[in-house]
PDB file of N, CA and C in Angstrom:
ATOM      1  N   MET A   1     -80.630  79.378  75.009  1.00  0.00           N
ATOM      2  CA  MET A   1     -79.453  79.696  73.972  1.00  0.00           C
ATOM      3  C   MET A   1     -78.685  78.500  73.645  1.00  0.00           C
ATOM      4  N   VAL A   2     -78.548  78.097  72.170  1.00  0.00           N
ATOM      5  CA  VAL A   2     -77.944  76.976  71.691  1.00  0.00           C
ATOM      6  C   VAL A   2     -76.434  77.395  72.264  1.00  0.00           C
ATOM      7  N   GLN A   3     -75.434  76.590  72.670  1.00  0.00           N
ATOM      8  CA  GLN A   3     -74.252  76.540  73.215  1.00  0.00           C
ATOM      9  C   GLN A   3     -73.342  76.389  71.894  1.00  0.00           C
ATOM     10  N   GLY A   4     -72.224  76.980  71.572  1.00  0.00           N
ATOM     11  CA  GLY A   4     -71.753  76.875  70.222  1.00  0.00           C
ATOM     12  C   GLY A   4     -71.938  77.698  69.192  1.00  0.00           C
ATOM     13  N   GLY A   5     -73.123  78.540  69.298  1.00  0.00           N
ATOM     14  CA  GLY A   5     -73.816  79.129  68.113  1.00  0.00           C
ATOM     15  C   GLY A   5     -73.064  80.625  68.080  1.00  0.00           C
ATOM     16  N   VAL A   6     -73.178  81.168  66.826  1.00  0.00           N
ATOM     17  CA  VAL A   6     -72.506  82.380  66.652  1.00  0.00           C
ATOM     18  C   VAL A   6     -73.343  83.362  67.347  1.00  0.00           C
ATOM     19  N   LEU A   7     -74.826  83.539  67.495  1.00  0.00           N
ATOM     20  CA  LEU A   7     -75.528  84.236  68.112  1.00  0.00           C
ATOM     21  C   LEU A   7     -75.043  84.779  69.517  1.00  0.00           C
ATOM     22  N   GLY A   8     -74.529  83.762  70.614  1.00  0.00           N
ATOM     23  CA  GLY A   8     -74.304  84.042  71.840  1.00  0.00           C
ATOM     24  C   GLY A   8     -72.972  85.046  71.908  1.00  0.00           C
ATOM     25  N   PRO A   9     -71.908  85.019  71.137  1.00  0.00           N
ATOM     26  CA  PRO A   9     -70.959  85.980  71.425  1.00  0.00           C
ATOM     27  C   PRO A   9     -71.290  87.269  70.873  1.00  0.00           C
ATOM     28  N   LEU A  10     -72.332  87.308  69.701  1.00  0.00           N
ATOM     29  CA  LEU A  10     -72.637  88.484  69.115  1.00  0.00           C
ATOM     30  C   LEU A  10     -73.444  89.478  70.237  1.00  0.00           C
ATOM     31  N   LEU A  11     -74.541  88.523  70.800  1.00  0.00           N
ATOM     32  CA  LEU A  11     -75.216  89.314  71.657  1.00  0.00           C
ATOM     33  C   LEU A  11     -74.545  89.775  72.630  1.00  0.00           C
ATOM     34  N   PHE A  12     -73.345  88.969  73.409  1.00  0.00           N
ATOM     35  CA  PHE A  12     -72.495  89.809  74.289  1.00  0.00           C
ATOM     36  C   PHE A  12     -71.983  90.962  74.041  1.00  0.00           C
ATOM     37  N   LEU A  13     -71.285  90.984  72.853  1.00  0.00           N
ATOM     38  CA  LEU A  13     -70.704  92.232  72.464  1.00  0.00           C
ATOM     39  C   LEU A  13     -71.586  93.472  72.438  1.00  0.00           C
ATOM     40  N   LEU A  14     -72.622  93.100  72.110  1.00  0.00           N
ATOM     41  CA  LEU A  14     -74.006  94.330  71.928  1.00  0.00           C
ATOM     42  C   LEU A  14     -74.041  94.524  73.523  1.00  0.00           C
ATOM     43  N   TYR A  15     -74.023  93.563  74.045  1.00  0.00           N
ATOM     44  CA  TYR A  15     -74.377  93.773  75.562  1.00  0.00           C
ATOM     45  C   TYR A  15     -73.464  94.900  76.297  1.00  0.00           C
ATOM     46  N   VAL A  16     -72.248  94.488  75.876  1.00  0.00           N
ATOM     47  CA  VAL A  16     -71.053  95.329  76.594  1.00  0.00           C
ATOM     48  C   VAL A  16     -70.453  96.658  75.635  1.00  0.00           C
ATOM     49  N   ASP A  17     -71.337  96.767  74.797  1.00  0.00           N
ATOM     50  CA  ASP A  17     -70.730  97.554  73.710  1.00  0.00           C
ATOM     51  C   ASP A  17     -70.600  99.073  74.317  1.00  0.00           C
ATOM     52  N   ASP A  18     -71.279  99.915  75.284  1.00  0.00           N
ATOM     53  CA  ASP A  18     -71.652 100.997  75.695  1.00  0.00           C
ATOM     54  C   ASP A  18     -70.363 100.891  76.814  1.00  0.00           C
ATOM     55  N   VAL A  19     -69.700  99.979  77.428  1.00  0.00           N
ATOM     56  CA  VAL A  19     -68.558 100.048  78.607  1.00  0.00           C
ATOM     57  C   VAL A  19     -67.554 101.036  77.938  1.00  0.00           C
ATOM     58  N   ALA A  20     -67.186 101.063  76.553  1.00  0.00           N
ATOM     59  CA  ALA A  20     -65.876 101.674  76.680  1.00  0.00           C
ATOM     60  C   ALA A  20     -66.339 103.447  76.522  1.00  0.00           C
ATOM     61  N   LYS A  21     -67.580 103.812  76.380  1.00  0.00           N
ATOM     62  CA  LYS A  21     -67.921 105.100  76.357  1.00  0.00           C
ATOM     63  C   LYS A  21     -67.891 105.756  77.815  1.00  0.00           C
ATOM     64  N   LEU A  22     -67.700 104.921  78.984  1.00  0.00           N
ATOM     65  CA  LEU A  22     -67.609 105.562  80.374  1.00  0.00           C
ATOM     66  C   LEU A  22     -66.716 106.191  80.659  1.00  0.00           C
ATOM     67  N   PHE A  23     -65.610 106.142  80.080  1.00  0.00           N
ATOM     68  CA  PHE A  23     -64.543 106.857  80.582  1.00  0.00           C
ATOM     69  C   PHE A  23     -63.855 108.056  79.978  1.00  0.00           C
ATOM     70  N   SER A  24     -63.150 109.000  80.727  1.00  0.00           N
ATOM     71  CA  SER A  24     -62.568 110.090  80.261  1.00  0.00           C
ATOM     72  C   SER A  24     -61.955 109.648  79.085  1.00  0.00           C
ATOM     73  N   THR A  25     -61.208 110.841  78.676  1.00  0.00           N
ATOM     74  CA  THR A  25     -59.960 110.597  77.639  1.00  0.00           C
ATOM     75  C   THR A  25     -58.820 110.207  78.104  1.00  0.00           C
ATOM     76  N   SER A  26     -58.579 110.435  79.680  1.00  0.00           N
ATOM     77  CA  SER A  26     -57.271 110.028  79.840  1.00  0.00           C
ATOM     78  C   SER A  26     -57.174 108.769  80.531  1.00  0.00           C
ATOM     79  N   VAL A  27     -58.088 107.824  80.626  1.00  0.00           N
ATOM     80  CA  VAL A  27     -58.668 106.584  81.099  1.00  0.00           C
ATOM     81  C   VAL A  27     -58.842 105.624  79.682  1.00  0.00           C
ATOM     82  N   LEU A  28     -58.135 104.915  79.386  1.00  0.00           N
ATOM     83  CA  LEU A  28     -58.916 103.789  78.153  1.00  0.00           C
ATOM     84  C   LEU A  28     -59.100 102.638  78.898  1.00  0.00           C
ATOM     85  N   CYS A  29     -59.616 101.792  78.094  1.00  0.00           N
ATOM     86  CA  CYS A  29     -60.223 100.198  78.353  1.00  0.00           C
ATOM     87  C   CYS A  29     -59.865  99.510  77.462  1.00  0.00           C
ATOM     88  N   LYS A  30     -59.577  98.069  77.406  1.00  0.00           N
ATOM     89  CA  LYS A  30     -59.439  97.142  76.612  1.00  0.00           C
ATOM     90  C   LYS A  30     -60.417  96.071  77.010  1.00  0.00           C
ATOM     91  N   LEU A  31     -61.193  95.504  76.159  1.00  0.00           N
ATOM     92  CA  LEU A  31     -62.467  94.353  76.564  1.00  0.00           C
ATOM     93  C   LEU A  31     -61.527  93.392  75.700  1.00  0.00           C
ATOM     94  N   TYR A  32     -61.322  92.267  76.440  1.00  0.00           N
ATOM     95  CA  TYR A  32     -61.072  90.736  75.714  1.00  0.00           C
ATOM     96  C   TYR A  32     -62.095  89.544  76.475  1.00  0.00           C
ATOM     97  N   ALA A  33     -62.868  88.921  75.706  1.00  0.00           N
ATOM     98  CA  ALA A  33     -64.030  87.998  76.290  1.00  0.00           C
ATOM     99  C   ALA A  33     -64.589  88.465  77.431  1.00  0.00           C
ATOM    100  N   ASP A  34     -64.493  88.372  78.744  1.00  0.00           N
ATOM    101  CA  ASP A  34     -65.519  88.573  79.785  1.00  0.00           C
ATOM    102  C   ASP A  34     -64.075  89.780  80.645  1.00  0.00           C
ATOM    103  N   ASP A  35     -63.268  90.003  80.279  1.00  0.00           N
ATOM    104  CA  ASP A  35     -62.369  90.737  80.924  1.00  0.00           C
ATOM    105  C   ASP A  35     -62.270  92.132  80.605  1.00  0.00           C
ATOM    106  N   VAL A  36     -62.234  92.979  81.332  1.00  0.00           N
ATOM    107  CA  VAL A  36     -61.902  94.362  81.157  1.00  0.00           C
ATOM    108  C   VAL A  36     -60.583  94.899  81.946  1.00  0.00           C
ATOM    109  N   LYS A  37     -59.942  95.871  81.138  1.00  0.00           N
ATOM    110  CA  LYS A  37     -58.708  96.521  81.513  1.00  0.00           C
ATOM    111  C   LYS A  37     -58.616  97.983  81.496  1.00  0.00           C
ATOM    112  N   LEU A  38     -58.475  98.576  82.610  1.00  0.00           N
ATOM    113  CA  LEU A  38     -58.537 100.099  82.603  1.00  0.00           C
ATOM    114  C   LEU A  38     -57.261 100.545  82.626  1.00  0.00           C
ATOM    115  N   TYR A  39     -56.749 101.385  82.072  1.00  0.00           N
ATOM    116  CA  TYR A  39     -55.381 102.016  82.604  1.00  0.00           C
ATOM    117  C   TYR A  39     -55.309 103.652  81.970  1.00  0.00           C
ATOM    118  N   SER A  40     -54.321 104.172  82.603  1.00  0.00           N
ATOM    119  CA  SER A  40     -54.395 105.537  82.498  1.00  0.00           C
ATOM    120  C   SER A  40     -53.319 105.874  81.479  1.00  0.00           C
ATOM    121  N   VAL A  41     -53.670 106.956  80.531  1.00  0.00           N
ATOM    122  CA  VAL A  41     -52.684 106.960  79.353  1.00  0.00           C
ATOM    123  C   VAL A  41     -51.369 108.033  79.815  1.00  0.00           C
ATOM    124  N   THR A  42     -51.730 108.462  81.339  1.00  0.00           N
ATOM    125  CA  THR A  42     -50.755 109.178  81.725  1.00  0.00           C
ATOM    126  C   THR A  42     -50.086 108.667  82.887  1.00  0.00           C
ATOM    127  N   VAL A  43     -48.895 109.194  83.127  1.00  0.00           N
ATOM    128  CA  VAL A  43     -48.220 108.697  84.468  1.00  0.00           C
ATOM    129  C   VAL A  43     -48.910 109.273  85.605  1.00  0.00           C
ATOM    130  N   ILE A  44     -49.276 108.477  86.658  1.00  0.00           N
ATOM    131  CA  ILE A  44     -50.131 108.750  87.623  1.00  0.00           C
ATOM    132  C   ILE A  44     -49.216 109.566  88.749  1.00  0.00           C
ATOM    133  N   GLN A  45     -49.240 110.786  88.606  1.00  0.00           N
ATOM    134  CA  GLN A  45     -48.141 111.545  89.638  1.00  0.00           C
ATOM    135  C   GLN A  45     -48.816 112.514  90.602  1.00  0.00           C
ATOM    136  N   THR A  46     -50.166 112.560  90.415  1.00  0.00           N
ATOM    137  CA  THR A  46     -50.902 113.543  91.346  1.00  0.00           C
ATOM    138  C   THR A  46     -51.873 112.728  91.951  1.00  0.00           C
ATOM    139  N   GLU A  47     -52.633 113.298  93.100  1.00  0.00           N
ATOM    140  CA  GLU A  47     -53.830 112.709  93.556  1.00  0.00           C
ATOM    141  C   GLU A  47     -54.786 112.910  92.485  1.00  0.00           C
ATOM    142  N   GLN A  48     -54.620 113.873  91.963  1.00  0.00           N
ATOM    143  CA  GLN A  48     -56.183 114.040  90.865  1.00  0.00           C
ATOM    144  C   GLN A  48     -55.665 112.830  89.737  1.00  0.00           C
ATOM    145  N   ASP A  49     -54.823 112.448  89.293  1.00  0.00           N
ATOM    146  CA  ASP A  49     -54.507 111.478  88.303  1.00  0.00           C
ATOM    147  C   ASP A  49     -55.030 110.352  88.918  1.00  0.00           C
ATOM    148  N   ALA A  50     -54.587 109.824  90.318  1.00  0.00           N
ATOM    149  CA  ALA A  50     -55.183 108.608  90.787  1.00  0.00           C
ATOM    150  C   ALA A  50     -56.858 108.823  90.982  1.00  0.00           C
ATOM    151  N   SER A  51     -56.936 110.067  91.411  1.00  0.00           N
ATOM    152  CA  SER A  51     -58.610 110.060  91.742  1.00  0.00           C
ATOM    153  C   SER A  51     -59.329 109.779  90.581  1.00  0.00           C
ATOM    154  N   GLU A  52     -58.970 110.505  89.266  1.00  0.00           N
ATOM    155  CA  GLU A  52     -59.442 109.862  87.996  1.00  0.00           C
ATOM    156  C   GLU A  52     -59.663 108.329  87.636  1.00  0.00           C
ATOM    157  N   LEU A  53     -58.589 107.961  87.804  1.00  0.00           N
ATOM    158  CA  LEU A  53     -58.673 106.343  87.665  1.00  0.00           C
ATOM    159  C   LEU A  53     -59.430 105.581  88.718  1.00  0.00           C
ATOM    160  N   GLN A  54     -59.607 106.242  89.900  1.00  0.00           N
ATOM    161  CA  GLN A  54     -60.650 105.394  90.737  1.00  0.00           C
ATOM    162  C   GLN A  54     -61.776 105.783  90.162  1.00  0.00           C
ATOM    163  N   SER A  55     -62.461 107.009  89.411  1.00  0.00           N
ATOM    164  CA  SER A  55     -63.527 107.397  89.137  1.00  0.00           C
ATOM    165  C   SER A  55     -64.168 106.607  88.188  1.00  0.00           C
ATOM    166  N   SER A  56     -63.085 106.247  87.284  1.00  0.00           N
ATOM    167  CA  SER A  56     -63.433 105.441  86.168  1.00  0.00           C
ATOM    168  C   SER A  56     -63.781 103.912  86.696  1.00  0.00           C
ATOM    169  N   LEU A  57     -62.919 103.661  87.498  1.00  0.00           N
ATOM    170  CA  LEU A  57     -63.175 101.967  88.098  1.00  0.00           C
ATOM    171  C   LEU A  57     -64.547 102.238  88.822  1.00  0.00           C
ATOM    172  N   ASP A  58     -64.819 103.229  89.462  1.00  0.00           N
ATOM    173  CA  ASP A  58     -66.342 103.303  89.899  1.00  0.00           C
ATOM    174  C   ASP A  58     -67.327 103.321  89.014  1.00  0.00           C
ATOM    175  N   ALA A  59     -67.127 104.056  87.730  1.00  0.00           N
ATOM    176  CA  ALA A  59     -68.273 104.174  87.001  1.00  0.00           C
ATOM    177  C   ALA A  59     -68.310 102.999  86.396  1.00  0.00           C
ATOM    178  N   LEU A  60     -67.050 102.005  86.070  1.00  0.00           N
ATOM    179  CA  LEU A  60     -67.214 100.402  85.642  1.00  0.00           C
ATOM    180  C   LEU A  60     -68.272  99.609  86.587  1.00  0.00           C
ATOM    181  N   VAL A  61     -67.928  99.914  87.809  1.00  0.00           N
ATOM    182  CA  VAL A  61     -68.551  99.083  89.075  1.00  0.00           C
ATOM    183  C   VAL A  61     -70.091  99.423  89.103  1.00  0.00           C
ATOM    184  N   ALA A  62     -70.806 100.963  88.667  1.00  0.00           N
ATOM    185  CA  ALA A  62     -72.011 101.203  88.651  1.00  0.00           C
ATOM    186  C   ALA A  62     -72.505 100.436  87.327  1.00  0.00           C
ATOM    187  N   TRP A  63     -71.581 100.630  86.327  1.00  0.00           N
ATOM    188  CA  TRP A  63     -72.057 100.220  84.947  1.00  0.00           C
ATOM    189  C   TRP A  63     -72.767  98.542  85.087  1.00  0.00           C
ATOM    190  N   SER A  64     -71.722  97.924  85.842  1.00  0.00           N
ATOM    191  CA  SER A  64     -71.892  96.510  85.885  1.00  0.00           C
ATOM    192  C   SER A  64     -73.048  95.991  86.943  1.00  0.00           C
ATOM    193  N   ASP A  65     -72.933  96.991  87.934  1.00  0.00           N
ATOM    194  CA  ASP A  65     -74.349  96.794  88.738  1.00  0.00           C
ATOM    195  C   ASP A  65     -75.733  96.873  88.061  1.00  0.00           C
ATOM    196  N   GLN A  66     -75.682  98.243  87.089  1.00  0.00           N
ATOM    197  CA  GLN A  66     -76.937  98.062  86.246  1.00  0.00           C
ATOM    198  C   GLN A  66     -77.326  97.029  85.531  1.00  0.00           C
ATOM    199  N   TRP A  67     -76.446  96.654  84.956  1.00  0.00           N
ATOM    200  CA  TRP A  67     -76.510  95.591  84.195  1.00  0.00           C
ATOM    201  C   TRP A  67     -76.228  94.089  84.717  1.00  0.00           C
ATOM    202  N   GLN A  68     -76.342  93.988  85.660  1.00  0.00           N
ATOM    203  CA  GLN A  68     -76.071  92.661  86.683  1.00  0.00           C
ATOM    204  C   GLN A  68     -75.144  91.758  86.466  1.00  0.00           C
ATOM    205  N   LEU A  69     -73.808  92.307  85.924  1.00  0.00           N
ATOM    206  CA  LEU A  69     -72.564  91.719  85.894  1.00  0.00           C
ATOM    207  C   LEU A  69     -71.894  92.040  87.199  1.00  0.00           C
ATOM    208  N   SER A  70     -71.210  91.023  87.842  1.00  0.00           N
ATOM    209  CA  SER A  70     -70.583  91.110  88.947  1.00  0.00           C
ATOM    210  C   SER A  70     -68.853  91.215  88.500  1.00  0.00           C
ATOM    211  N   ILE A  71     -68.260  92.238  89.492  1.00  0.00           N
ATOM    212  CA  ILE A  71     -66.748  92.297  89.261  1.00  0.00           C
ATOM    213  C   ILE A  71     -66.344  91.778  90.690  1.00  0.00           C
ATOM    214  N   SER A  72     -65.229  90.984  90.450  1.00  0.00           N
ATOM    215  CA  SER A  72     -64.491  90.399  91.575  1.00  0.00           C
ATOM    216  C   SER A  72     -63.434  91.077  92.246  1.00  0.00           C
ATOM    217  N   SER A  73     -63.328  91.638  93.239  1.00  0.00           N
ATOM    218  CA  SER A  73     -62.259  92.397  93.760  1.00  0.00           C
ATOM    219  C   SER A  73     -61.188  91.764  93.838  1.00  0.00           C
ATOM    220  N   LYS A  74     -61.533  90.087  94.298  1.00  0.00           N
ATOM    221  CA  LYS A  74     -60.469  89.180  94.695  1.00  0.00           C
ATOM    222  C   LYS A  74     -59.502  88.822  93.227  1.00  0.00           C
ATOM    223  N   GLN A  75     -60.567  88.872  92.141  1.00  0.00           N
ATOM    224  CA  GLN A  75     -59.984  88.691  90.686  1.00  0.00           C
ATOM    225  C   GLN A  75     -59.344  89.949  90.110  1.00  0.00           C
ATOM    226  N   SER A  76     -59.325  91.294  90.744  1.00  0.00           N
ATOM    227  CA  SER A  76     -58.839  92.063  90.085  1.00  0.00           C
ATOM    228  C   SER A  76     -57.484  92.762  90.915  1.00  0.00           C
ATOM    229  N   ALA A  77     -56.700  93.582  90.091  1.00  0.00           N
ATOM    230  CA  ALA A  77     -55.541  93.681  90.541  1.00  0.00           C
ATOM    231  C   ALA A  77     -55.175  95.080  89.731  1.00  0.00           C
ATOM    232  N   VAL A  78     -54.072  95.676  90.503  1.00  0.00           N
ATOM    233  CA  VAL A  78     -53.728  96.961  90.119  1.00  0.00           C
ATOM    234  C   VAL A  78     -52.353  96.638  89.658  1.00  0.00           C
ATOM    235  N   LEU A  79     -51.802  96.799  88.624  1.00  0.00           N
ATOM    236  CA  LEU A  79     -50.379  96.615  87.956  1.00  0.00           C
ATOM    237  C   LEU A  79     -49.663  98.041  88.419  1.00  0.00           C
ATOM    238  N   ALA A  80     -48.657  97.738  89.095  1.00  0.00           N
ATOM    239  CA  ALA A  80     -47.715  98.991  89.502  1.00  0.00           C
ATOM    240  C   ALA A  80     -46.617  98.913  88.453  1.00  0.00           C
ATOM    241  N   VAL A  81     -46.212  99.819  87.759  1.00  0.00           N
ATOM    242  CA  VAL A  81     -45.078 100.068  86.755  1.00  0.00           C
ATOM    243  C   VAL A  81     -44.198 101.047  87.299  1.00  0.00           C
ATOM    244  N   LEU A  82     -43.335 101.111  87.501  1.00  0.00           N
ATOM    245  CA  LEU A  82     -42.285 102.509  87.606  1.00  0.00           C
ATOM    246  C   LEU A  82     -41.243 102.332  86.606  1.00  0.00           C
ATOM    247  N   CYS A  83     -41.780 103.597  85.919  1.00  0.00           N
ATOM    248  CA  CYS A  83     -40.928 103.633  84.409  1.00  0.00           C
ATOM    249  C   CYS A  83     -39.685 104.609  84.684  1.00  0.00           C
ATOM    250  N   LEU A  84     -40.276 105.880  85.205  1.00  0.00           N
ATOM    251  CA  LEU A  84     -39.203 106.804  85.440  1.00  0.00           C
ATOM    252  C   LEU A  84     -38.887 107.435  86.874  1.00  0.00           C
ATOM    253  N   GLY A  85     -39.422 106.744  87.736  1.00  0.00           N
ATOM    254  CA  GLY A  85     -38.555 106.833  89.104  1.00  0.00           C
ATOM    255  C   GLY A  85     -40.253 106.561  89.850  1.00  0.00           C
ATOM    256  N   GLN A  86     -39.738 106.748  91.151  1.00  0.00           N
ATOM    257  CA  GLN A  86     -40.855 106.619  92.378  1.00  0.00           C
ATOM    258  C   GLN A  86     -41.826 107.744  92.202  1.00  0.00           C
ATOM    259  N   THR A  87     -42.954 107.648  92.529  1.00  0.00           N
ATOM    260  CA  THR A  87     -44.104 108.343  92.806  1.00  0.00           C
ATOM    261  C   THR A  87     -44.631 108.712  94.237  1.00  0.00           C
ATOM    262  N   ASP A  88     -44.650 109.812  94.700  1.00  0.00           N
ATOM    263  CA  ASP A  88     -45.221 109.923  96.332  1.00  0.00           C
ATOM    264  C   ASP A  88     -46.593 109.277  96.699  1.00  0.00           C
ATOM    265  N   ILE A  89     -47.359 109.299  95.329  1.00  0.00           N
ATOM    266  CA  ILE A  89     -48.937 108.881  95.248  1.00  0.00           C
ATOM    267  C   ILE A  89     -48.729 107.305  96.030  1.00  0.00           C
ATOM    268  N   ASP A  90     -49.422 107.321  96.974  1.00  0.00           N
ATOM    269  CA  ASP A  90     -49.753 105.722  97.624  1.00  0.00           C
ATOM    270  C   ASP A  90     -51.149 105.684  97.674  1.00  0.00           C
ATOM    271  N   GLN A  91     -51.678 105.626  96.320  1.00  0.00           N
ATOM    272  CA  GLN A  91     -53.114 105.380  96.004  1.00  0.00           C
ATOM    273  C   GLN A  91     -53.730 103.699  96.284  1.00  0.00           C
ATOM    274  N   CYS A  92     -54.614 103.422  96.956  1.00  0.00           N
ATOM    275  CA  CYS A  92     -55.167 102.251  97.092  1.00  0.00           C
ATOM    276  C   CYS A  92     -56.390 102.433  96.123  1.00  0.00           C
ATOM    277  N   TYR A  93     -56.556 101.408  95.323  1.00  0.00           N
ATOM    278  CA  TYR A  93     -57.908 101.398  94.648  1.00  0.00           C
ATOM    279  C   TYR A  93     -58.775 100.414  95.260  1.00  0.00           C
ATOM    280  N   ALA A  94     -60.155 100.917  94.792  1.00  0.00           N
ATOM    281  CA  ALA A  94     -61.242  99.481  95.678  1.00  0.00           C
ATOM    282  C   ALA A  94     -62.328  99.485  94.503  1.00  0.00           C
ATOM    283  N   ILE A  95     -63.085  98.405  94.618  1.00  0.00           N
ATOM    284  CA  ILE A  95     -64.099  98.035  94.299  1.00  0.00           C
ATOM    285  C   ILE A  95     -65.155  97.937  95.339  1.00  0.00           C
ATOM    286  N   LYS A  96     -66.030  98.716  95.133  1.00  0.00           N
ATOM    287  CA  LYS A  96     -67.439  98.618  96.657  1.00  0.00           C
ATOM    288  C   LYS A  96     -66.575  98.471  98.034  1.00  0.00           C
ATOM    289  N   GLN A  97     -65.786  99.356  98.038  1.00  0.00           N
ATOM    290  CA  GLN A  97     -65.098  99.683  99.364  1.00  0.00           C
ATOM    291  C   GLN A  97     -64.202  98.250  99.547  1.00  0.00           C
ATOM    292  N   ALA A  98     -63.760  97.332  98.969  1.00  0.00           N
ATOM    293  CA  ALA A  98     -62.900  96.181  99.024  1.00  0.00           C
ATOM    294  C   ALA A  98     -61.725  96.726  98.119  1.00  0.00           C
ATOM    295  N   SER A  99     -60.456  96.517  98.636  1.00  0.00           N
ATOM    296  CA  SER A  99     -59.341  97.156  98.189  1.00  0.00           C
ATOM    297  C   SER A  99     -58.842  96.018  97.258  1.00  0.00           C
ATOM    298  N   VAL A 100     -58.362  96.770  96.005  1.00  0.00           N
ATOM    299  CA  VAL A 100     -57.998  95.776  94.974  1.00  0.00           C
ATOM    300  C   VAL A 100     -56.481  95.526  95.473  1.00  0.00           C
ATOM    301  N   SER A 101     -55.950  94.445  94.997  1.00  0.00           N
ATOM    302  CA  SER A 101     -54.141  94.119  95.182  1.00  0.00           C
ATOM    303  C   SER A 101     -53.195  94.567  94.508  1.00  0.00           C
ATOM    304  N   LEU A 102     -52.179  95.067  94.870  1.00  0.00           N
ATOM    305  CA  LEU A 102     -51.302  95.686  94.131  1.00  0.00           C
ATOM    306  C   LEU A 102     -50.246  94.611  93.873  1.00  0.00           C
ATOM    307  N   VAL A 103     -49.890  94.340  92.461  1.00  0.00           N
ATOM    308  CA  VAL A 103     -49.015  93.294  91.917  1.00  0.00           C
ATOM    309  C   VAL A 103     -47.755  94.031  91.133  1.00  0.00           C
ATOM    310  N   SER A 104     -46.810  93.229  90.880  1.00  0.00           N
ATOM    311  CA  SER A 104     -45.817  93.670  90.119  1.00  0.00           C
ATOM    312  C   SER A 104     -45.772  92.889  88.447  1.00  0.00           C
ATOM    313  N   GLU A 105     -46.496  91.936  88.493  1.00  0.00           N
ATOM    314  CA  GLU A 105     -46.873  91.429  87.450  1.00  0.00           C
ATOM    315  C   GLU A 105     -48.007  90.430  87.357  1.00  0.00           C
ATOM    316  N   ILE A 106     -48.596  90.469  86.028  1.00  0.00           N
ATOM    317  CA  ILE A 106     -49.809  89.906  85.754  1.00  0.00           C
ATOM    318  C   ILE A 106     -49.917  89.042  84.549  1.00  0.00           C
ATOM    319  N   ARG A 107     -50.969  87.999  84.423  1.00  0.00           N
ATOM    320  CA  ARG A 107     -50.933  87.419  83.389  1.00  0.00           C
ATOM    321  C   ARG A 107     -51.959  87.911  82.486  1.00  0.00           C
ATOM    322  N   ASP A 108     -51.817  88.003  81.297  1.00  0.00           N
ATOM    323  CA  ASP A 108     -52.378  89.006  80.526  1.00  0.00           C
ATOM    324  C   ASP A 108     -53.052  87.802  79.364  1.00  0.00           C
ATOM    325  N   LEU A 109     -54.567  87.856  79.289  1.00  0.00           N
ATOM    326  CA  LEU A 109     -55.022  87.049  78.282  1.00  0.00           C
ATOM    327  C   LEU A 109     -54.949  87.498  76.870  1.00  0.00           C
ATOM    328  N   SER A 110     -55.070  88.814  77.046  1.00  0.00           N
ATOM    329  CA  SER A 110     -55.453  89.352  75.472  1.00  0.00           C
ATOM    330  C   SER A 110     -53.813  89.656  75.001  1.00  0.00           C
TER     331      SER A 110
END
């Protein structure tokens, strides 16, 4: 493939087009270049809320394995934002049994 051409980015967009359809209505994703951002549209207050987000992450990992795109747990992070108070849910998220680090801030490319 020719570098710098317009066909490469278009083909990549077609390649990843179905990733947004993997998740339930309570989990949204944002795509920017080769980055994927998953987030819950509701505040995670229960084990069920946390489990749904982990299930979405598992679906993303399964999709990436199917399409031979790797996801690095070392380059992934969970952004903890406390808006209305502390939650009792102490959920650890994982990618293929490797825990994802919890951070209080993250540099966003999009």
